[in-house]
Amino acid sequence: MTVSTESTHEFVVTQGATPPGHRLRGAVVAIGNFDGVHRGHQAVIATARGRAAALGRPAAALTFEPHPRSLFRPQEPLFRLTDARNKLRLLASTGLDGAIVLTFDTALAALSADDFVQHVLIERLAISGVTIGFDFHFGAKRSGSADYLATAGAKQAFSVDVVPRFEDNGRRISSGPIRIALADGQVADAAEMLGFPWFVTGEVVHGDKRGRELGYPTANLRLDPTCRLRHGIYAVRVNVAGRRYNGVANFGRRPMFDIGTVLLEIFLFDFSADLYGQTIDVAFIDWIRPEMKFDSLDDLVRRMDEDSRIARSLLAKAPNAFPPLADR
């Protein structure tokens, strides 16, 4: 698995152990799930980069896939802010030298805190330092804490930096509140916490062509069923093969034509090419309205015209809003 960047260095991704001589061996590692790579995560990463620069070592993220919750609470599917690929794309944009992805399975979950430090951090990765958030826990039964890691670092001669709670005007920035904001349709608020607009990536699939019949041909994506974004109409910005386009999107069941399928339907302004089969990024810039059922198709089209006008106005106020993404 590789993720490229536009920077002068290659962002290296390794699955699990780093063999002797690997460029990430001996790195300062920022450890976490990093779902969303939000501003709190970015503070942890910036601290790791600073420590790595001081030590003359590479800086890397140490993260886990699948998300640990899928193992511990499989009956409660998690609304992930970023899938595995997009998490790596965001991490690549932070200036890190790479990412180490550990498979989170029953064997890893069963490791004691001491075994995790000894066998993973020291023997497998030969770390020179660790950076974590203040509330990070690891090891079986979450027995490892920031204090535990600091003690281990003193014994094993690796640096440990613990980043305090990240707040903005008294509000804690973490993945949970961002999920809540998205479930409420508050994508602008989510962007404040993330540091960039929330986005999804998907392959354009065929729909029922109703949008084309109404003068609004759409690019359709099927999002992960765990997505809890509020159904409604949004102003969006779309990345198509490295070029960005403004648009308006409907996420939901389309009350006028409900066939039981949840779709993201995007109408791109000033665009006419065929997108079927292409993978695109869709960034949600602002909320417009909830889904509605209209009395007639004419009423629907008039409302779509108004939605487009509103979307253009909202997007004009956010000229540079887009997530910092490395190439796929």
Protein backbone atom coordinates (compact mmCIF):
# COMPACT_ATOMS: atom_id res chain seq x y z
CA MET A 1 0.00 0.00 0.00
CA THR A 2 1.45 3.38 -0.97
CA VAL A 3 0.20 6.93 -0.78
CA SER A 4 2.03 9.60 -2.73
CA THR A 5 2.30 13.27 -1.89
CA GLU A 6 3.12 16.45 -3.76
CA SER A 7 5.98 17.14 -1.36
CA THR A 8 9.63 16.46 -2.05
CA HIS A 9 9.70 13.23 -0.03
CA GLU A 10 7.85 9.97 -0.36
CA PHE A 11 5.29 9.11 2.30
CA VAL A 12 6.03 5.53 3.30
CA VAL A 13 3.32 3.15 4.48
CA THR A 14 4.27 -0.14 6.08
CA GLN A 15 2.02 -2.89 7.37
CA GLY A 16 3.27 -4.04 10.75
CA ALA A 17 6.97 -4.64 11.42
CA THR A 18 9.69 -2.49 9.90
CA PRO A 19 12.68 -4.63 8.86
CA PRO A 20 16.25 -3.58 9.66
CA GLY A 21 17.24 -0.72 7.39
CA HIS A 22 13.65 0.38 6.72
CA ARG A 23 13.47 4.15 6.65
CA LEU A 24 10.81 4.27 9.39
CA ARG A 25 12.76 2.07 11.78
CA GLY A 26 13.86 4.16 14.75
CA ALA A 27 11.17 6.79 14.14
CA VAL A 28 9.38 8.96 16.63
CA VAL A 29 5.85 7.59 16.41
CA ALA A 30 2.57 9.39 17.04
CA ILE A 31 0.22 6.62 18.21
CA GLY A 32 -3.54 6.67 17.76
CA ASN A 33 -6.55 5.60 15.74
CA PHE A 34 -6.54 9.01 14.02
CA ASP A 35 -10.10 8.68 12.72
CA GLY A 36 -10.63 11.96 10.90
CA VAL A 37 -7.10 13.30 11.49
CA HIS A 38 -8.76 16.28 13.17
CA ARG A 39 -7.13 19.25 14.88
CA GLY A 40 -6.53 17.29 18.08
CA HIS A 41 -4.76 14.57 16.11
CA GLN A 42 -2.82 17.22 14.23
CA ALA A 43 -1.49 18.57 17.54
CA VAL A 44 -0.19 15.11 18.45
CA ILE A 45 1.41 14.75 15.02
CA ALA A 46 3.02 18.20 15.17
CA THR A 47 4.54 17.33 18.54
CA ALA A 48 5.94 14.08 17.12
CA ARG A 49 7.44 15.94 14.18
CA GLY A 50 9.06 18.45 16.49
CA ARG A 51 10.58 15.72 18.66
CA ALA A 52 11.76 13.81 15.58
CA ALA A 53 13.47 16.91 14.21
CA ALA A 54 15.25 17.45 17.53
CA LEU A 55 16.47 13.84 17.55
CA GLY A 56 17.32 13.70 13.87
CA ARG A 57 14.87 10.85 13.34
CA PRO A 58 11.95 10.25 10.98
CA ALA A 59 8.42 10.94 12.22
CA ALA A 60 5.64 8.43 11.63
CA ALA A 61 2.09 7.67 12.64
CA LEU A 62 1.45 4.32 14.30
CA THR A 63 -2.18 3.46 13.73
CA PHE A 64 -4.55 0.49 13.68
CA GLU A 65 -6.87 -1.13 11.14
CA PRO A 66 -9.61 -2.06 11.43
CA HIS A 67 -10.76 0.38 14.08
CA PRO A 68 -10.54 -1.37 17.48
CA ARG A 69 -14.22 -0.80 18.13
CA SER A 70 -15.09 -3.22 15.32
CA LEU A 71 -13.44 -5.96 17.40
CA PHE A 72 -14.70 -4.97 20.82
CA ARG A 73 -18.25 -3.89 19.86
CA PRO A 74 -19.10 -5.43 16.48
CA GLN A 75 -22.81 -5.07 17.23
CA GLU A 76 -22.40 -1.26 17.22
CA PRO A 77 -21.06 -0.28 13.78
CA LEU A 78 -18.95 2.87 13.98
CA PHE A 79 -19.59 5.89 11.78
CA ARG A 80 -16.00 6.39 10.69
CA LEU A 81 -14.92 9.87 9.70
CA THR A 82 -12.29 8.45 7.35
CA ASP A 83 -11.80 5.00 5.91
CA ALA A 84 -8.35 3.41 5.97
CA ARG A 85 -7.25 4.85 2.64
CA ASN A 86 -8.39 8.39 3.32
CA LYS A 87 -6.86 8.34 6.78
CA LEU A 88 -3.50 7.63 5.14
CA ARG A 89 -4.06 10.38 2.58
CA LEU A 90 -4.68 12.88 5.35
CA LEU A 91 -1.72 11.65 7.38
CA ALA A 92 0.47 12.07 4.30
CA SER A 93 -0.51 15.75 4.18
CA THR A 94 0.74 16.46 7.72
CA GLY A 95 4.45 16.34 6.96
CA LEU A 96 5.05 12.93 8.50
CA ASP A 97 7.58 10.66 6.84
CA GLY A 98 5.22 7.72 6.88
CA ALA A 99 2.69 5.55 8.66
CA ILE A 100 2.89 2.12 10.25
CA VAL A 101 -0.43 0.27 10.16
CA LEU A 102 -0.92 -2.53 12.68
CA THR A 103 -3.68 -5.07 12.11
CA PHE A 104 -5.94 -4.82 15.13
CA ASP A 105 -6.99 -8.40 15.81
CA THR A 106 -7.48 -10.62 18.85
CA ALA A 107 -3.75 -11.28 19.10
CA LEU A 108 -2.85 -7.60 19.24
CA ALA A 109 -5.74 -6.83 21.58
CA ALA A 110 -4.52 -9.54 23.97
CA LEU A 111 -1.02 -8.08 24.33
CA SER A 112 -0.30 -6.66 27.76
CA ALA A 113 0.89 -3.08 27.93
CA ASP A 114 4.39 -4.34 28.74
CA ASP A 115 4.40 -6.73 25.77
CA PHE A 116 3.17 -3.99 23.45
CA VAL A 117 6.04 -1.76 24.48
CA GLN A 118 8.65 -4.52 24.36
CA HIS A 119 7.60 -6.53 21.32
CA VAL A 120 5.98 -3.87 19.13
CA LEU A 121 7.60 -0.55 19.97
CA ILE A 122 11.10 -1.71 20.82
CA GLU A 123 11.74 -5.01 19.02
CA ARG A 124 9.64 -4.55 15.89
CA LEU A 125 9.89 -0.80 15.38
CA ALA A 126 13.00 0.23 17.36
CA ILE A 127 11.34 3.55 18.16
CA SER A 128 13.29 6.54 19.40
CA GLY A 129 10.24 8.30 20.79
CA VAL A 130 6.47 8.21 21.29
CA THR A 131 3.86 10.95 21.18
CA ILE A 132 0.31 10.33 22.40
CA GLY A 133 -2.78 12.22 23.45
CA PHE A 134 -3.41 12.63 27.18
CA ASP A 135 -6.21 10.04 27.21
CA PHE A 136 -4.56 7.36 25.08
CA HIS A 137 -4.66 3.81 26.49
CA PHE A 138 -3.21 0.61 25.10
CA GLY A 139 -2.64 -3.03 25.94
CA ALA A 140 -5.09 -5.66 27.16
CA LYS A 141 -7.95 -4.15 29.18
CA ARG A 142 -6.53 -0.68 28.41
CA SER A 143 -3.94 -1.21 31.12
CA GLY A 144 -1.35 1.05 29.50
CA SER A 145 -1.69 4.79 30.13
CA ALA A 146 0.33 7.93 29.51
CA ASP A 147 1.99 7.54 32.91
CA TYR A 148 2.80 3.89 32.20
CA LEU A 149 4.37 4.81 28.88
CA ALA A 150 6.41 7.62 30.45
CA THR A 151 7.84 5.16 32.98
CA ALA A 152 8.62 2.64 30.24
CA GLY A 153 10.31 5.33 28.16
CA ALA A 154 12.55 6.29 31.06
CA LYS A 155 13.62 2.67 31.45
CA GLN A 156 14.06 1.89 27.75
CA ALA A 157 15.59 5.23 26.71
CA PHE A 158 12.91 6.52 24.33
CA SER A 159 11.27 9.92 24.59
CA VAL A 160 7.62 10.23 25.57
CA ASP A 161 5.54 13.34 24.85
CA VAL A 162 1.97 13.54 26.11
CA VAL A 163 -0.17 16.15 24.37
CA PRO A 164 -2.83 17.72 26.62
CA ARG A 165 -6.54 17.95 25.80
CA PHE A 166 -7.03 20.02 22.64
CA GLU A 167 -9.77 22.61 22.99
CA ASP A 168 -11.17 25.47 20.94
CA ASN A 169 -12.95 28.11 23.00
CA GLY A 170 -13.51 25.59 25.76
CA ARG A 171 -14.84 22.85 23.48
CA ARG A 172 -12.89 19.61 23.32
CA ILE A 173 -11.96 18.61 19.80
CA SER A 174 -12.38 14.86 19.30
CA SER A 175 -13.94 12.43 16.85
CA GLY A 176 -17.17 11.96 18.84
CA PRO A 177 -18.41 15.58 18.62
CA ILE A 178 -17.53 15.64 14.92
CA ARG A 179 -19.70 12.58 14.30
CA ILE A 180 -22.55 14.27 16.21
CA ALA A 181 -22.19 17.45 14.14
CA LEU A 182 -22.35 15.48 10.89
CA ALA A 183 -25.38 13.53 12.08
CA ASP A 184 -27.06 16.91 12.63
CA GLY A 185 -26.03 18.16 9.18
CA GLN A 186 -23.71 20.73 10.72
CA VAL A 187 -20.91 20.20 8.23
CA ALA A 188 -19.48 23.70 8.69
CA ASP A 189 -19.15 23.06 12.43
CA ALA A 190 -17.54 19.68 11.71
CA ALA A 191 -15.05 21.46 9.45
CA GLU A 192 -14.12 23.81 12.30
CA MET A 193 -13.22 20.83 14.46
CA LEU A 194 -11.50 18.90 11.69
CA GLY A 195 -9.55 21.84 10.33
CA PHE A 196 -10.88 21.11 6.83
CA PRO A 197 -14.21 20.10 5.26
CA TRP A 198 -15.39 16.56 5.92
CA PHE A 199 -15.30 14.46 2.76
CA VAL A 200 -16.07 11.06 1.28
CA THR A 201 -14.55 9.15 -1.62
CA GLY A 202 -16.35 6.75 -3.90
CA GLU A 203 -16.78 5.33 -7.37
CA VAL A 204 -19.47 6.93 -9.52
CA VAL A 205 -22.23 4.40 -10.18
CA HIS A 206 -25.27 4.36 -12.43
CA GLY A 207 -28.51 5.69 -11.00
CA ASP A 208 -32.02 5.81 -12.38
CA LYS A 209 -31.23 8.82 -14.66
CA ARG A 210 -34.09 10.88 -13.18
CA GLY A 211 -31.77 13.81 -12.56
CA ARG A 212 -30.84 13.92 -16.23
CA GLU A 213 -34.51 13.94 -17.20
CA LEU A 214 -35.02 16.94 -14.91
CA GLY A 215 -32.04 18.87 -16.27
CA TYR A 216 -29.81 17.97 -13.33
CA PRO A 217 -27.59 15.01 -14.28
CA THR A 218 -25.88 13.67 -11.18
CA ALA A 219 -22.84 11.65 -10.22
CA ASN A 220 -24.04 9.00 -7.78
CA LEU A 221 -22.08 7.41 -4.93
CA ARG A 222 -23.10 4.66 -2.55
CA LEU A 223 -21.60 5.51 0.83
CA ASP A 224 -20.78 3.02 3.54
CA PRO A 225 -23.98 1.90 5.34
CA THR A 226 -22.47 3.10 8.64
CA CYS A 227 -22.46 6.71 7.39
CA ARG A 228 -24.66 8.76 9.70
CA LEU A 229 -24.55 12.05 7.84
CA ARG A 230 -27.93 13.78 8.05
CA HIS A 231 -30.06 13.31 4.97
CA GLY A 232 -30.43 16.54 3.08
CA ILE A 233 -29.08 18.99 0.54
CA TYR A 234 -25.50 20.29 0.75
CA ALA A 235 -23.15 22.68 -1.01
CA VAL A 236 -20.17 20.54 -2.02
CA ARG A 237 -16.81 20.73 -3.71
CA VAL A 238 -15.65 17.76 -5.78
CA ASN A 239 -12.22 16.53 -6.81
CA VAL A 240 -12.28 14.87 -10.24
CA ALA A 241 -8.91 13.63 -11.50
CA GLY A 242 -7.08 16.43 -9.73
CA ARG A 243 -9.48 19.22 -10.73
CA ARG A 244 -12.05 20.76 -8.40
CA TYR A 245 -15.63 21.60 -9.20
CA ASN A 246 -18.41 23.22 -7.22
CA GLY A 247 -21.76 21.55 -6.89
CA VAL A 248 -24.87 20.75 -4.94
CA ALA A 249 -25.63 17.30 -3.53
CA ASN A 250 -28.51 15.32 -2.09
CA PHE A 251 -27.75 12.61 0.44
CA GLY A 252 -30.65 10.38 1.34
CA ARG A 253 -33.58 8.43 -0.06
CA ARG A 254 -35.07 11.06 -2.40
CA PRO A 255 -38.65 11.27 -1.06
CA MET A 256 -40.11 11.96 -4.52
CA PHE A 257 -38.68 8.71 -5.92
CA ASP A 258 -37.83 6.60 -2.87
CA ILE A 259 -36.82 3.08 -3.87
CA GLY A 260 -35.24 2.26 -0.53
CA THR A 261 -31.65 3.02 -1.52
CA VAL A 262 -29.59 5.71 0.18
CA LEU A 263 -27.48 7.57 -2.36
CA LEU A 264 -25.25 10.61 -2.55
CA GLU A 265 -26.24 12.42 -5.74
CA ILE A 266 -23.98 15.27 -6.85
CA PHE A 267 -24.77 17.84 -9.52
CA LEU A 268 -21.53 19.51 -10.62
CA PHE A 269 -21.80 23.07 -11.87
CA ASP A 270 -20.39 23.81 -15.32
CA PHE A 271 -19.43 20.18 -15.96
CA SER A 272 -20.58 17.77 -18.66
CA ALA A 273 -18.11 14.86 -18.88
CA ASP A 274 -18.95 11.19 -18.23
CA LEU A 275 -17.87 10.17 -14.71
CA TYR A 276 -19.12 6.58 -14.55
CA GLY A 277 -16.52 4.31 -13.00
CA GLN A 278 -14.31 7.18 -11.83
CA THR A 279 -13.39 7.66 -8.17
CA ILE A 280 -14.07 11.15 -6.86
CA ASP A 281 -13.70 13.03 -3.57
CA VAL A 282 -16.70 14.99 -2.32
CA ALA A 283 -16.16 17.65 0.36
CA PHE A 284 -19.22 18.93 2.24
CA ILE A 285 -18.97 22.70 2.58
CA ASP A 286 -22.35 23.73 4.00
CA TRP A 287 -25.89 22.61 4.77
CA ILE A 288 -28.81 23.90 2.69
CA ARG A 289 -31.98 22.08 3.76
CA PRO A 290 -33.47 18.69 4.69
CA GLU A 291 -34.94 16.37 2.10
CA MET A 292 -38.51 17.25 1.09
CA LYS A 293 -41.35 15.75 -0.92
CA PHE A 294 -42.93 18.15 -3.41
CA ASP A 295 -46.41 18.24 -4.92
CA SER A 296 -45.11 18.10 -8.48
CA LEU A 297 -41.96 17.67 -10.54
CA ASP A 298 -42.20 21.35 -11.51
CA ASP A 299 -42.08 22.30 -7.83
CA LEU A 300 -39.09 20.00 -7.37
CA VAL A 301 -37.18 21.56 -10.26
CA ARG A 302 -37.89 25.07 -8.98
CA ARG A 303 -36.53 24.07 -5.59
CA MET A 304 -33.47 22.49 -7.23
CA ASP A 305 -32.85 25.76 -9.05
CA GLU A 306 -32.99 27.57 -5.72
CA ASP A 307 -30.73 24.99 -4.06
CA SER A 308 -28.17 25.53 -6.80
CA ARG A 309 -28.31 29.30 -6.34
CA ILE A 310 -27.80 28.94 -2.59
CA ALA A 311 -24.96 26.46 -3.08
CA ARG A 312 -23.13 28.78 -5.46
CA SER A 313 -23.44 31.60 -2.93
CA LEU A 314 -22.16 29.47 -0.04
CA LEU A 315 -19.26 28.13 -2.08
CA ALA A 316 -18.25 31.63 -3.17
CA LYS A 317 -17.69 32.42 0.52
CA ALA A 318 -15.40 29.39 0.92
CA PRO A 319 -13.07 29.71 -2.08
CA ASN A 320 -10.24 27.51 -0.73
CA ALA A 321 -12.21 25.03 1.37
CA PHE A 322 -11.06 21.50 0.60
CA PRO A 323 -9.35 18.76 2.64
CA PRO A 324 -5.54 18.50 2.30
CA LEU A 325 -5.38 15.21 0.41
CA ALA A 326 -2.44 13.29 -0.98
CA ASP A 327 -2.96 11.43 -4.24
CA ARG A 328 -4.73 8.09 -4.01
